[in-house]
Amino acid sequence: MYDTNNIFAKMIRGEIPTNKIYENDYAMSFWDINPMFEKHALVIPKGPYQNILDFAKNTSASEQNAFWDCFAQTADKLGIKCEFNCLANAGADAPFVKQSVFHFHLHLVAGERTAAFRELVAEFK
C-alpha cells in the first residue's frame, strides 16, 4: 500500500521544500540531501508508485516518457554525458542498499565519492 505521507509525496505536493533540478508534469528531480557522490540527484515520478516494478507495471506511456525525459534533462543540467551510475533500491530488505522511502526513485550519481559513500562501503567489508 502506497503511503501518501512519505517524504517524496510531501515534496511533490509542495509541503516540504526541495532543491529542484528539473520538473515536468509527471516527474521531478532534486539534489539528494545526503549525497554519496559529487553529483547525486534523485529522479522521481509524481504518481504514487512504490518501487521500479510498480512504476513499470502501472504507469501510462505518457508518464514513462516524461519520467525518462526528466532523467535525461537532469543529466544534461548536471553535465553528465557518460561515466555515471543509476540505482533503484526496492524493498526494506534489498540486499545492497535498503529502500528507505517507499516512493519509486532513481539515484543518478557521478563524480567523486563522498566520505558518506566510503563509510557505507566500509559497512560491507
PDB file of N, CA and C in Angstrom:
ATOM      1  N   MET A   1       0.833  -1.180   0.000  1.00  0.00           N
ATOM      2  CA  MET A   1       0.000   0.000   0.000  1.00  0.00           C
ATOM      3  C   MET A   1       0.882   1.251   0.000  1.00  0.00           C
ATOM      4  N   TYR A   2       0.625   2.158  -0.903  1.00  0.00           N
ATOM      5  CA  TYR A   2       1.404   3.390  -1.022  1.00  0.00           C
ATOM      6  C   TYR A   2       1.084   4.340   0.131  1.00  0.00           C
ATOM      7  N   ASP A   3       2.144   4.863   0.752  1.00  0.00           N
ATOM      8  CA  ASP A   3       1.996   5.810   1.857  1.00  0.00           C
ATOM      9  C   ASP A   3       1.968   7.230   1.301  1.00  0.00           C
ATOM     10  N   THR A   4       0.814   7.860   1.312  1.00  0.00           N
ATOM     11  CA  THR A   4       0.667   9.213   0.759  1.00  0.00           C
ATOM     12  C   THR A   4       1.359  10.280   1.605  1.00  0.00           C
ATOM     13  N   ASN A   5       1.868   9.907   2.753  1.00  0.00           N
ATOM     14  CA  ASN A   5       2.578  10.862   3.606  1.00  0.00           C
ATOM     15  C   ASN A   5       4.089  10.638   3.624  1.00  0.00           C
ATOM     16  N   ASN A   6       4.626   9.855   2.666  1.00  0.00           N
ATOM     17  CA  ASN A   6       6.081   9.711   2.613  1.00  0.00           C
ATOM     18  C   ASN A   6       6.691  11.051   2.200  1.00  0.00           C
ATOM     19  N   ILE A   7       7.968  11.207   2.465  1.00  0.00           N
ATOM     20  CA  ILE A   7       8.625  12.499   2.238  1.00  0.00           C
ATOM     21  C   ILE A   7       8.565  12.947   0.781  1.00  0.00           C
ATOM     22  N   PHE A   8       8.666  12.013  -0.176  1.00  0.00           N
ATOM     23  CA  PHE A   8       8.621  12.419  -1.585  1.00  0.00           C
ATOM     24  C   PHE A   8       7.222  12.869  -1.981  1.00  0.00           C
ATOM     25  N   ALA A   9       6.189  12.212  -1.463  1.00  0.00           N
ATOM     26  CA  ALA A   9       4.817  12.646  -1.736  1.00  0.00           C
ATOM     27  C   ALA A   9       4.605  14.068  -1.205  1.00  0.00           C
ATOM     28  N   LYS A  10       5.159  14.345  -0.032  1.00  0.00           N
ATOM     29  CA  LYS A  10       5.051  15.691   0.537  1.00  0.00           C
ATOM     30  C   LYS A  10       5.822  16.709  -0.305  1.00  0.00           C
ATOM     31  N   MET A  11       6.957  16.316  -0.845  1.00  0.00           N
ATOM     32  CA  MET A  11       7.732  17.211  -1.719  1.00  0.00           C
ATOM     33  C   MET A  11       6.941  17.516  -2.993  1.00  0.00           C
ATOM     34  N   ILE A  12       6.331  16.498  -3.573  1.00  0.00           N
ATOM     35  CA  ILE A  12       5.545  16.678  -4.793  1.00  0.00           C
ATOM     36  C   ILE A  12       4.404  17.655  -4.542  1.00  0.00           C
ATOM     37  N   ARG A  13       3.771  17.553  -3.377  1.00  0.00           N
ATOM     38  CA  ARG A  13       2.657  18.450  -3.033  1.00  0.00           C
ATOM     39  C   ARG A  13       3.127  19.835  -2.601  1.00  0.00           C
ATOM     40  N   GLY A  14       4.431  20.034  -2.469  1.00  0.00           N
ATOM     41  CA  GLY A  14       4.958  21.328  -2.069  1.00  0.00           C
ATOM     42  C   GLY A  14       4.935  21.574  -0.576  1.00  0.00           C
ATOM     43  N   GLU A  15       4.726  20.519   0.210  1.00  0.00           N
ATOM     44  CA  GLU A  15       4.668  20.658   1.665  1.00  0.00           C
ATOM     45  C   GLU A  15       6.062  20.701   2.286  1.00  0.00           C
ATOM     46  N   ILE A  16       7.049  20.187   1.581  1.00  0.00           N
ATOM     47  CA  ILE A  16       8.438  20.185   2.030  1.00  0.00           C
ATOM     48  C   ILE A  16       9.264  20.802   0.911  1.00  0.00           C
ATOM     49  N   PRO A  17      10.114  21.775   1.220  1.00  0.00           N
ATOM     50  CA  PRO A  17      10.927  22.387   0.156  1.00  0.00           C
ATOM     51  C   PRO A  17      11.948  21.411  -0.407  1.00  0.00           C
ATOM     52  N   THR A  18      12.255  21.589  -1.690  1.00  0.00           N
ATOM     53  CA  THR A  18      13.256  20.758  -2.353  1.00  0.00           C
ATOM     54  C   THR A  18      14.222  21.657  -3.102  1.00  0.00           C
ATOM     55  N   ASN A  19      15.370  21.139  -3.363  1.00  0.00           N
ATOM     56  CA  ASN A  19      16.351  21.832  -4.190  1.00  0.00           C
ATOM     57  C   ASN A  19      16.224  21.226  -5.589  1.00  0.00           C
ATOM     58  N   LYS A  20      15.169  21.639  -6.304  1.00  0.00           N
ATOM     59  CA  LYS A  20      14.846  21.050  -7.610  1.00  0.00           C
ATOM     60  C   LYS A  20      15.905  21.335  -8.655  1.00  0.00           C
ATOM     61  N   ILE A  21      16.074  20.335  -9.486  1.00  0.00           N
ATOM     62  CA  ILE A  21      16.960  20.467 -10.643  1.00  0.00           C
ATOM     63  C   ILE A  21      16.117  20.627 -11.898  1.00  0.00           C
ATOM     64  N   TYR A  22      15.076  19.792 -12.029  1.00  0.00           N
ATOM     65  CA  TYR A  22      14.218  19.820 -13.208  1.00  0.00           C
ATOM     66  C   TYR A  22      12.838  19.285 -12.812  1.00  0.00           C
ATOM     67  N   GLU A  23      11.813  19.754 -13.537  1.00  0.00           N
ATOM     68  CA  GLU A  23      10.454  19.278 -13.272  1.00  0.00           C
ATOM     69  C   GLU A  23       9.626  19.384 -14.544  1.00  0.00           C
ATOM     70  N   ASN A  24       8.751  18.392 -14.745  1.00  0.00           N
ATOM     71  CA  ASN A  24       7.743  18.463 -15.795  1.00  0.00           C
ATOM     72  C   ASN A  24       6.412  18.028 -15.187  1.00  0.00           C
ATOM     73  N   ASP A  25       5.412  17.780 -15.987  1.00  0.00           N
ATOM     74  CA  ASP A  25       4.078  17.452 -15.460  1.00  0.00           C
ATOM     75  C   ASP A  25       4.029  16.147 -14.674  1.00  0.00           C
ATOM     76  N   TYR A  26       4.916  15.192 -14.994  1.00  0.00           N
ATOM     77  CA  TYR A  26       4.831  13.864 -14.399  1.00  0.00           C
ATOM     78  C   TYR A  26       6.027  13.436 -13.551  1.00  0.00           C
ATOM     79  N   ALA A  27       7.076  14.249 -13.523  1.00  0.00           N
ATOM     80  CA  ALA A  27       8.284  13.840 -12.796  1.00  0.00           C
ATOM     81  C   ALA A  27       9.052  15.070 -12.328  1.00  0.00           C
ATOM     82  N   MET A  28       9.952  14.827 -11.384  1.00  0.00           N
ATOM     83  CA  MET A  28      10.827  15.897 -10.921  1.00  0.00           C
ATOM     84  C   MET A  28      12.145  15.312 -10.444  1.00  0.00           C
ATOM     85  N   SER A  29      13.160  16.175 -10.402  1.00  0.00           N
ATOM     86  CA  SER A  29      14.457  15.757  -9.871  1.00  0.00           C
ATOM     87  C   SER A  29      14.949  16.827  -8.913  1.00  0.00           C
ATOM     88  N   PHE A  30      15.782  16.377  -7.977  1.00  0.00           N
ATOM     89  CA  PHE A  30      16.321  17.285  -6.973  1.00  0.00           C
ATOM     90  C   PHE A  30      17.598  16.685  -6.412  1.00  0.00           C
ATOM     91  N   TRP A  31      18.384  17.518  -5.740  1.00  0.00           N
ATOM     92  CA  TRP A  31      19.634  17.070  -5.131  1.00  0.00           C
ATOM     93  C   TRP A  31      19.342  16.192  -3.924  1.00  0.00           C
ATOM     94  N   ASP A  32      20.108  15.126  -3.769  1.00  0.00           N
ATOM     95  CA  ASP A  32      19.999  14.255  -2.598  1.00  0.00           C
ATOM     96  C   ASP A  32      20.508  15.017  -1.376  1.00  0.00           C
ATOM     97  N   ILE A  33      19.802  14.896  -0.246  1.00  0.00           N
ATOM     98  CA  ILE A  33      20.226  15.628   0.958  1.00  0.00           C
ATOM     99  C   ILE A  33      21.410  14.970   1.653  1.00  0.00           C
ATOM    100  N   ASN A  34      21.690  13.706   1.324  1.00  0.00           N
ATOM    101  CA  ASN A  34      22.860  13.002   1.861  1.00  0.00           C
ATOM    102  C   ASN A  34      23.672  12.430   0.703  1.00  0.00           C
ATOM    103  N   PRO A  35      24.322  13.295  -0.069  1.00  0.00           N
ATOM    104  CA  PRO A  35      24.988  12.824  -1.288  1.00  0.00           C
ATOM    105  C   PRO A  35      26.122  11.846  -1.024  1.00  0.00           C
ATOM    106  N   MET A  36      26.175  10.830  -1.862  1.00  0.00           N
ATOM    107  CA  MET A  36      27.240   9.829  -1.810  1.00  0.00           C
ATOM    108  C   MET A  36      28.322  10.135  -2.837  1.00  0.00           C
ATOM    109  N   PHE A  37      28.007  11.036  -3.762  1.00  0.00           N
ATOM    110  CA  PHE A  37      28.930  11.419  -4.830  1.00  0.00           C
ATOM    111  C   PHE A  37      28.864  12.928  -5.028  1.00  0.00           C
ATOM    112  N   GLU A  38      29.839  13.445  -5.728  1.00  0.00           N
ATOM    113  CA  GLU A  38      29.903  14.880  -6.032  1.00  0.00           C
ATOM    114  C   GLU A  38      28.596  15.348  -6.678  1.00  0.00           C
ATOM    115  N   LYS A  39      28.089  14.565  -7.612  1.00  0.00           N
ATOM    116  CA  LYS A  39      26.796  14.840  -8.251  1.00  0.00           C
ATOM    117  C   LYS A  39      25.865  13.691  -7.871  1.00  0.00           C
ATOM    118  N   HIS A  40      24.823  13.988  -7.102  1.00  0.00           N
ATOM    119  CA  HIS A  40      23.905  12.948  -6.624  1.00  0.00           C
ATOM    120  C   HIS A  40      22.492  13.525  -6.622  1.00  0.00           C
ATOM    121  N   ALA A  41      21.743  13.146  -7.628  1.00  0.00           N
ATOM    122  CA  ALA A  41      20.363  13.625  -7.781  1.00  0.00           C
ATOM    123  C   ALA A  41      19.395  12.465  -7.651  1.00  0.00           C
ATOM    124  N   LEU A  42      18.179  12.777  -7.267  1.00  0.00           N
ATOM    125  CA  LEU A  42      17.087  11.803  -7.265  1.00  0.00           C
ATOM    126  C   LEU A  42      16.098  12.218  -8.341  1.00  0.00           C
ATOM    127  N   VAL A  43      15.593  11.241  -9.075  1.00  0.00           N
ATOM    128  CA  VAL A  43      14.570  11.473 -10.092  1.00  0.00           C
ATOM    129  C   VAL A  43      13.365  10.652  -9.685  1.00  0.00           C
ATOM    130  N   ILE A  44      12.204  11.319  -9.547  1.00  0.00           N
ATOM    131  CA  ILE A  44      11.009  10.626  -9.081  1.00  0.00           C
ATOM    132  C   ILE A  44       9.809  10.925  -9.978  1.00  0.00           C
ATOM    133  N   PRO A  45       8.923   9.944 -10.138  1.00  0.00           N
ATOM    134  CA  PRO A  45       7.658  10.237 -10.804  1.00  0.00           C
ATOM    135  C   PRO A  45       6.742  10.932  -9.799  1.00  0.00           C
ATOM    136  N   LYS A  46       5.795  11.698 -10.296  1.00  0.00           N
ATOM    137  CA  LYS A  46       4.852  12.368  -9.401  1.00  0.00           C
ATOM    138  C   LYS A  46       3.695  11.458  -9.003  1.00  0.00           C
ATOM    139  N   GLY A  47       3.537  10.334  -9.687  1.00  0.00           N
ATOM    140  CA  GLY A  47       2.476   9.381  -9.350  1.00  0.00           C
ATOM    141  C   GLY A  47       2.862   8.518  -8.167  1.00  0.00           C
ATOM    142  N   PRO A  48       1.872   7.848  -7.573  1.00  0.00           N
ATOM    143  CA  PRO A  48       2.085   7.054  -6.357  1.00  0.00           C
ATOM    144  C   PRO A  48       2.607   5.637  -6.623  1.00  0.00           C
ATOM    145  N   TYR A  49       3.875   5.536  -6.960  1.00  0.00           N
ATOM    146  CA  TYR A  49       4.478   4.235  -7.254  1.00  0.00           C
ATOM    147  C   TYR A  49       5.483   3.890  -6.169  1.00  0.00           C
ATOM    148  N   GLN A  50       5.388   2.688  -5.615  1.00  0.00           N
ATOM    149  CA  GLN A  50       6.249   2.294  -4.502  1.00  0.00           C
ATOM    150  C   GLN A  50       7.679   1.973  -4.917  1.00  0.00           C
ATOM    151  N   ASN A  51       7.846   1.341  -6.069  1.00  0.00           N
ATOM    152  CA  ASN A  51       9.183   0.929  -6.499  1.00  0.00           C
ATOM    153  C   ASN A  51       9.210   0.819  -8.022  1.00  0.00           C
ATOM    154  N   ILE A  52      10.345   0.438  -8.559  1.00  0.00           N
ATOM    155  CA  ILE A  52      10.521   0.414 -10.006  1.00  0.00           C
ATOM    156  C   ILE A  52       9.577  -0.585 -10.693  1.00  0.00           C
ATOM    157  N   LEU A  53       9.291  -1.705 -10.059  1.00  0.00           N
ATOM    158  CA  LEU A  53       8.360  -2.670 -10.662  1.00  0.00           C
ATOM    159  C   LEU A  53       6.940  -2.134 -10.690  1.00  0.00           C
ATOM    160  N   ASP A  54       6.525  -1.491  -9.611  1.00  0.00           N
ATOM    161  CA  ASP A  54       5.203  -0.861  -9.559  1.00  0.00           C
ATOM    162  C   ASP A  54       5.090   0.177 -10.676  1.00  0.00           C
ATOM    163  N   PHE A  55       6.125   0.992 -10.835  1.00  0.00           N
ATOM    164  CA  PHE A  55       6.144   2.011 -11.882  1.00  0.00           C
ATOM    165  C   PHE A  55       6.077   1.377 -13.268  1.00  0.00           C
ATOM    166  N   ALA A  56       6.892   0.369 -13.517  1.00  0.00           N
ATOM    167  CA  ALA A  56       6.945  -0.278 -14.829  1.00  0.00           C
ATOM    168  C   ALA A  56       5.611  -0.931 -15.203  1.00  0.00           C
ATOM    169  N   LYS A  57       4.945  -1.512 -14.226  1.00  0.00           N
ATOM    170  CA  LYS A  57       3.702  -2.235 -14.492  1.00  0.00           C
ATOM    171  C   LYS A  57       2.463  -1.338 -14.552  1.00  0.00           C
ATOM    172  N   ASN A  58       2.480  -0.220 -13.840  1.00  0.00           N
ATOM    173  CA  ASN A  58       1.226   0.505 -13.622  1.00  0.00           C
ATOM    174  C   ASN A  58       1.182   1.945 -14.123  1.00  0.00           C
ATOM    175  N   THR A  59       2.204   2.402 -14.792  1.00  0.00           N
ATOM    176  CA  THR A  59       2.196   3.778 -15.275  1.00  0.00           C
ATOM    177  C   THR A  59       1.836   3.841 -16.753  1.00  0.00           C
ATOM    178  N   SER A  60       1.359   4.981 -17.175  1.00  0.00           N
ATOM    179  CA  SER A  60       0.996   5.172 -18.580  1.00  0.00           C
ATOM    180  C   SER A  60       2.245   5.464 -19.408  1.00  0.00           C
ATOM    181  N   ALA A  61       2.112   5.323 -20.708  1.00  0.00           N
ATOM    182  CA  ALA A  61       3.226   5.633 -21.606  1.00  0.00           C
ATOM    183  C   ALA A  61       3.618   7.104 -21.480  1.00  0.00           C
ATOM    184  N   SER A  62       2.651   7.989 -21.322  1.00  0.00           N
ATOM    185  CA  SER A  62       2.942   9.424 -21.165  1.00  0.00           C
ATOM    186  C   SER A  62       3.771   9.684 -19.915  1.00  0.00           C
ATOM    187  N   GLU A  63       3.401   9.024 -18.814  1.00  0.00           N
ATOM    188  CA  GLU A  63       4.151   9.196 -17.570  1.00  0.00           C
ATOM    189  C   GLU A  63       5.566   8.637 -17.707  1.00  0.00           C
ATOM    190  N   GLN A  64       5.697   7.474 -18.340  1.00  0.00           N
ATOM    191  CA  GLN A  64       7.030   6.894 -18.519  1.00  0.00           C
ATOM    192  C   GLN A  64       7.908   7.794 -19.386  1.00  0.00           C
ATOM    193  N   ASN A  65       7.353   8.291 -20.478  1.00  0.00           N
ATOM    194  CA  ASN A  65       8.127   9.179 -21.348  1.00  0.00           C
ATOM    195  C   ASN A  65       8.568  10.433 -20.600  1.00  0.00           C
ATOM    196  N   ALA A  66       7.668  11.006 -19.813  1.00  0.00           N
ATOM    197  CA  ALA A  66       8.002  12.213 -19.056  1.00  0.00           C
ATOM    198  C   ALA A  66       9.049  11.916 -17.988  1.00  0.00           C
ATOM    199  N   PHE A  67       8.969  10.740 -17.364  1.00  0.00           N
ATOM    200  CA  PHE A  67       9.952  10.364 -16.358  1.00  0.00           C
ATOM    201  C   PHE A  67      11.342  10.287 -16.984  1.00  0.00           C
ATOM    202  N   TRP A  68      11.450   9.581 -18.121  1.00  0.00           N
ATOM    203  CA  TRP A  68      12.761   9.429 -18.758  1.00  0.00           C
ATOM    204  C   TRP A  68      13.260  10.738 -19.345  1.00  0.00           C
ATOM    205  N   ASP A  69      12.335  11.615 -19.762  1.00  0.00           N
ATOM    206  CA  ASP A  69      12.744  12.951 -20.188  1.00  0.00           C
ATOM    207  C   ASP A  69      13.326  13.715 -18.997  1.00  0.00           C
ATOM    208  N   CYS A  70      12.699  13.606 -17.843  1.00  0.00           N
ATOM    209  CA  CYS A  70      13.202  14.247 -16.626  1.00  0.00           C
ATOM    210  C   CYS A  70      14.590  13.710 -16.289  1.00  0.00           C
ATOM    211  N   PHE A  71      14.776  12.415 -16.397  1.00  0.00           N
ATOM    212  CA  PHE A  71      16.077  11.803 -16.137  1.00  0.00           C
ATOM    213  C   PHE A  71      17.134  12.397 -17.074  1.00  0.00           C
ATOM    214  N   ALA A  72      16.828  12.448 -18.383  1.00  0.00           N
ATOM    215  CA  ALA A  72      17.780  12.961 -19.379  1.00  0.00           C
ATOM    216  C   ALA A  72      18.052  14.445 -19.166  1.00  0.00           C
ATOM    217  N   GLN A  73      17.019  15.219 -18.883  1.00  0.00           N
ATOM    218  CA  GLN A  73      17.194  16.659 -18.639  1.00  0.00           C
ATOM    219  C   GLN A  73      18.050  16.898 -17.394  1.00  0.00           C
ATOM    220  N   THR A  74      17.852  16.068 -16.383  1.00  0.00           N
ATOM    221  CA  THR A  74      18.642  16.186 -15.154  1.00  0.00           C
ATOM    222  C   THR A  74      20.111  15.904 -15.439  1.00  0.00           C
ATOM    223  N   ALA A  75      20.368  14.836 -16.172  1.00  0.00           N
ATOM    224  CA  ALA A  75      21.751  14.516 -16.543  1.00  0.00           C
ATOM    225  C   ALA A  75      22.375  15.673 -17.316  1.00  0.00           C
ATOM    226  N   ASP A  76      21.640  16.251 -18.247  1.00  0.00           N
ATOM    227  CA  ASP A  76      22.157  17.390 -19.012  1.00  0.00           C
ATOM    228  C   ASP A  76      22.475  18.564 -18.096  1.00  0.00           C
ATOM    229  N   LYS A  77      21.567  18.878 -17.191  1.00  0.00           N
ATOM    230  CA  LYS A  77      21.774  20.011 -16.281  1.00  0.00           C
ATOM    231  C   LYS A  77      22.973  19.795 -15.367  1.00  0.00           C
ATOM    232  N   LEU A  78      23.259  18.526 -15.038  1.00  0.00           N
ATOM    233  CA  LEU A  78      24.406  18.218 -14.183  1.00  0.00           C
ATOM    234  C   LEU A  78      25.697  18.040 -14.979  1.00  0.00           C
ATOM    235  N   GLY A  79      25.589  18.124 -16.299  1.00  0.00           N
ATOM    236  CA  GLY A  79      26.765  17.950 -17.138  1.00  0.00           C
ATOM    237  C   GLY A  79      27.219  16.502 -17.236  1.00  0.00           C
ATOM    238  N   ILE A  80      26.297  15.576 -17.030  1.00  0.00           N
ATOM    239  CA  ILE A  80      26.625  14.150 -17.097  1.00  0.00           C
ATOM    240  C   ILE A  80      26.390  13.655 -18.519  1.00  0.00           C
ATOM    241  N   LYS A  81      27.457  13.196 -19.150  1.00  0.00           N
ATOM    242  CA  LYS A  81      27.368  12.675 -20.515  1.00  0.00           C
ATOM    243  C   LYS A  81      27.611  11.170 -20.530  1.00  0.00           C
ATOM    244  N   CYS A  82      28.532  10.721 -19.700  1.00  0.00           N
ATOM    245  CA  CYS A  82      28.856   9.308 -19.574  1.00  0.00           C
ATOM    246  C   CYS A  82      29.509   9.128 -18.209  1.00  0.00           C
ATOM    247  N   GLU A  83      29.863   7.933 -17.887  1.00  0.00           N
ATOM    248  CA  GLU A  83      30.506   7.618 -16.618  1.00  0.00           C
ATOM    249  C   GLU A  83      29.666   8.060 -15.421  1.00  0.00           C
ATOM    250  N   PHE A  84      28.526   7.417 -15.281  1.00  0.00           N
ATOM    251  CA  PHE A  84      27.619   7.670 -14.163  1.00  0.00           C
ATOM    252  C   PHE A  84      27.005   6.345 -13.737  1.00  0.00           C
ATOM    253  N   ASN A  85      26.329   6.377 -12.607  1.00  0.00           N
ATOM    254  CA  ASN A  85      25.566   5.221 -12.154  1.00  0.00           C
ATOM    255  C   ASN A  85      24.129   5.644 -11.928  1.00  0.00           C
ATOM    256  N   CYS A  86      23.251   4.686 -12.102  1.00  0.00           N
ATOM    257  CA  CYS A  86      21.829   4.870 -11.856  1.00  0.00           C
ATOM    258  C   CYS A  86      21.394   3.695 -10.995  1.00  0.00           C
ATOM    259  N   LEU A  87      20.764   3.993  -9.867  1.00  0.00           N
ATOM    260  CA  LEU A  87      20.423   2.937  -8.922  1.00  0.00           C
ATOM    261  C   LEU A  87      18.993   3.107  -8.435  1.00  0.00           C
ATOM    262  N   ALA A  88      18.259   2.003  -8.402  1.00  0.00           N
ATOM    263  CA  ALA A  88      16.919   1.978  -7.812  1.00  0.00           C
ATOM    264  C   ALA A  88      16.907   0.898  -6.738  1.00  0.00           C
ATOM    265  N   ASN A  89      16.663   1.291  -5.515  1.00  0.00           N
ATOM    266  CA  ASN A  89      16.525   0.332  -4.419  1.00  0.00           C
ATOM    267  C   ASN A  89      15.054  -0.079  -4.339  1.00  0.00           C
ATOM    268  N   ALA A  90      14.804  -1.322  -3.991  1.00  0.00           N
ATOM    269  CA  ALA A  90      13.421  -1.786  -3.900  1.00  0.00           C
ATOM    270  C   ALA A  90      13.276  -2.719  -2.701  1.00  0.00           C
ATOM    271  N   GLY A  91      12.568  -2.256  -1.706  1.00  0.00           N
ATOM    272  CA  GLY A  91      12.262  -3.086  -0.551  1.00  0.00           C
ATOM    273  C   GLY A  91      13.104  -2.792   0.674  1.00  0.00           C
ATOM    274  N   ALA A  92      12.491  -2.976   1.809  1.00  0.00           N
ATOM    275  CA  ALA A  92      13.152  -2.728   3.094  1.00  0.00           C
ATOM    276  C   ALA A  92      14.303  -3.694   3.341  1.00  0.00           C
ATOM    277  N   ASP A  93      14.300  -4.827   2.643  1.00  0.00           N
ATOM    278  CA  ASP A  93      15.366  -5.811   2.818  1.00  0.00           C
ATOM    279  C   ASP A  93      16.179  -6.022   1.543  1.00  0.00           C
ATOM    280  N   ALA A  94      16.260  -4.990   0.702  1.00  0.00           N
ATOM    281  CA  ALA A  94      17.067  -5.097  -0.512  1.00  0.00           C
ATOM    282  C   ALA A  94      18.497  -5.463  -0.121  1.00  0.00           C
ATOM    283  N   PRO A  95      19.172  -6.304  -0.916  1.00  0.00           N
ATOM    284  CA  PRO A  95      20.454  -6.862  -0.493  1.00  0.00           C
ATOM    285  C   PRO A  95      21.604  -5.880  -0.337  1.00  0.00           C
ATOM    286  N   PHE A  96      21.701  -4.843  -1.146  1.00  0.00           N
ATOM    287  CA  PHE A  96      22.844  -3.936  -1.012  1.00  0.00           C
ATOM    288  C   PHE A  96      22.444  -2.701  -0.204  1.00  0.00           C
ATOM    289  N   VAL A  97      21.577  -1.883  -0.754  1.00  0.00           N
ATOM    290  CA  VAL A  97      21.090  -0.699  -0.041  1.00  0.00           C
ATOM    291  C   VAL A  97      19.583  -0.819   0.074  1.00  0.00           C
ATOM    292  N   LYS A  98      19.101  -0.773   1.268  1.00  0.00           N
ATOM    293  CA  LYS A  98      17.669  -0.932   1.521  1.00  0.00           C
ATOM    294  C   LYS A  98      16.911   0.326   1.122  1.00  0.00           C
ATOM    295  N   GLN A  99      15.707   0.133   0.593  1.00  0.00           N
ATOM    296  CA  GLN A  99      14.867   1.273   0.234  1.00  0.00           C
ATOM    297  C   GLN A  99      14.361   1.910   1.523  1.00  0.00           C
ATOM    298  N   SER A 100      14.540   3.213   1.663  1.00  0.00           N
ATOM    299  CA  SER A 100      14.109   3.889   2.889  1.00  0.00           C
ATOM    300  C   SER A 100      12.892   4.768   2.675  1.00  0.00           C
ATOM    301  N   VAL A 101      12.672   5.235   1.449  1.00  0.00           N
ATOM    302  CA  VAL A 101      11.463   5.977   1.109  1.00  0.00           C
ATOM    303  C   VAL A 101      10.727   5.138   0.075  1.00  0.00           C
ATOM    304  N   PHE A 102       9.511   4.760   0.388  1.00  0.00           N
ATOM    305  CA  PHE A 102       8.781   3.821  -0.460  1.00  0.00           C
ATOM    306  C   PHE A 102       7.949   4.549  -1.512  1.00  0.00           C
ATOM    307  N   HIS A 103       8.682   5.337  -2.279  1.00  0.00           N
ATOM    308  CA  HIS A 103       8.188   6.012  -3.477  1.00  0.00           C
ATOM    309  C   HIS A 103       9.296   5.789  -4.501  1.00  0.00           C
ATOM    310  N   PHE A 104       8.960   5.233  -5.665  1.00  0.00           N
ATOM    311  CA  PHE A 104       9.984   4.927  -6.660  1.00  0.00           C
ATOM    312  C   PHE A 104      10.854   6.148  -6.942  1.00  0.00           C
ATOM    313  N   HIS A 105      12.147   5.930  -6.920  1.00  0.00           N
ATOM    314  CA  HIS A 105      13.102   6.978  -7.257  1.00  0.00           C
ATOM    315  C   HIS A 105      14.386   6.349  -7.784  1.00  0.00           C
ATOM    316  N   LEU A 106      15.021   7.064  -8.684  1.00  0.00           N
ATOM    317  CA  LEU A 106      16.330   6.667  -9.185  1.00  0.00           C
ATOM    318  C   LEU A 106      17.373   7.613  -8.616  1.00  0.00           C
ATOM    319  N   HIS A 107      18.485   7.034  -8.208  1.00  0.00           N
ATOM    320  CA  HIS A 107      19.653   7.822  -7.826  1.00  0.00           C
ATOM    321  C   HIS A 107      20.506   7.962  -9.084  1.00  0.00           C
ATOM    322  N   LEU A 108      20.790   9.179  -9.471  1.00  0.00           N
ATOM    323  CA  LEU A 108      21.688   9.461 -10.589  1.00  0.00           C
ATOM    324  C   LEU A 108      22.950  10.047  -9.979  1.00  0.00           C
ATOM    325  N   VAL A 109      24.064   9.322 -10.086  1.00  0.00           N
ATOM    326  CA  VAL A 109      25.294   9.733  -9.413  1.00  0.00           C
ATOM    327  C   VAL A 109      26.474   9.765 -10.372  1.00  0.00           C
ATOM    328  N   ALA A 110      27.364  10.733 -10.127  1.00  0.00           N
ATOM    329  CA  ALA A 110      28.580  10.860 -10.925  1.00  0.00           C
ATOM    330  C   ALA A 110      29.603  11.663 -10.127  1.00  0.00           C
ATOM    331  N   GLY A 111      30.837  11.585 -10.571  1.00  0.00           N
ATOM    332  CA  GLY A 111      31.894  12.367  -9.933  1.00  0.00           C
ATOM    333  C   GLY A 111      32.526  11.636  -8.764  1.00  0.00           C
ATOM    334  N   GLU A 112      33.234  12.395  -7.964  1.00  0.00           N
ATOM    335  CA  GLU A 112      33.979  11.844  -6.834  1.00  0.00           C
ATOM    336  C   GLU A 112      33.056  11.292  -5.750  1.00  0.00           C
ATOM    337  N   ARG A 113      33.506  10.231  -5.096  1.00  0.00           N
ATOM    338  CA  ARG A 113      32.770   9.656  -3.964  1.00  0.00           C
ATOM    339  C   ARG A 113      32.934  10.560  -2.744  1.00  0.00           C
ATOM    340  N   THR A 114      31.896  10.628  -1.925  1.00  0.00           N
ATOM    341  CA  THR A 114      31.971  11.415  -0.693  1.00  0.00           C
ATOM    342  C   THR A 114      32.394  10.519   0.468  1.00  0.00           C
ATOM    343  N   ALA A 115      32.672  11.132   1.599  1.00  0.00           N
ATOM    344  CA  ALA A 115      33.009  10.370   2.808  1.00  0.00           C
ATOM    345  C   ALA A 115      31.843   9.473   3.192  1.00  0.00           C
ATOM    346  N   ALA A 116      30.608   9.938   2.986  1.00  0.00           N
ATOM    347  CA  ALA A 116      29.427   9.126   3.311  1.00  0.00           C
ATOM    348  C   ALA A 116      29.428   7.829   2.508  1.00  0.00           C
ATOM    349  N   PHE A 117      29.830   7.891   1.246  1.00  0.00           N
ATOM    350  CA  PHE A 117      29.910   6.679   0.421  1.00  0.00           C
ATOM    351  C   PHE A 117      30.962   5.725   0.964  1.00  0.00           C
ATOM    352  N   ARG A 118      32.130   6.262   1.294  1.00  0.00           N
ATOM    353  CA  ARG A 118      33.199   5.404   1.802  1.00  0.00           C
ATOM    354  C   ARG A 118      32.776   4.721   3.109  1.00  0.00           C
ATOM    355  N   GLU A 119      32.025   5.419   3.941  1.00  0.00           N
ATOM    356  CA  GLU A 119      31.528   4.813   5.192  1.00  0.00           C
ATOM    357  C   GLU A 119      30.527   3.700   4.890  1.00  0.00           C
ATOM    358  N   LEU A 120      29.649   3.923   3.930  1.00  0.00           N
ATOM    359  CA  LEU A 120      28.663   2.910   3.552  1.00  0.00           C
ATOM    360  C   LEU A 120      29.356   1.655   3.041  1.00  0.00           C
ATOM    361  N   VAL A 121      30.328   1.805   2.180  1.00  0.00           N
ATOM    362  CA  VAL A 121      31.046   0.663   1.625  1.00  0.00           C
ATOM    363  C   VAL A 121      31.805  -0.073   2.720  1.00  0.00           C
ATOM    364  N   ALA A 122      32.348   0.646   3.678  1.00  0.00           N
ATOM    365  CA  ALA A 122      33.099   0.027   4.771  1.00  0.00           C
ATOM    366  C   ALA A 122      32.216  -0.919   5.594  1.00  0.00           C
ATOM    367  N   GLU A 123      30.919  -0.621   5.657  1.00  0.00           N
ATOM    368  CA  GLU A 123      29.976  -1.483   6.395  1.00  0.00           C
ATOM    369  C   GLU A 123      29.885  -2.874   5.771  1.00  0.00           C
ATOM    370  N   PHE A 124      30.173  -2.997   4.467  1.00  0.00           N
ATOM    371  CA  PHE A 124      30.024  -4.260   3.767  1.00  0.00           C
ATOM    372  C   PHE A 124      31.312  -5.075   3.724  1.00  0.00           C
ATOM    373  N   LYS A 125      32.380  -4.552   4.296  1.00  0.00           N
ATOM    374  CA  LYS A 125      33.660  -5.275   4.291  1.00  0.00           C
ATOM    375  C   LYS A 125      33.752  -6.195   5.467  1.00  0.00           C
TER     376      LYS A 125
END
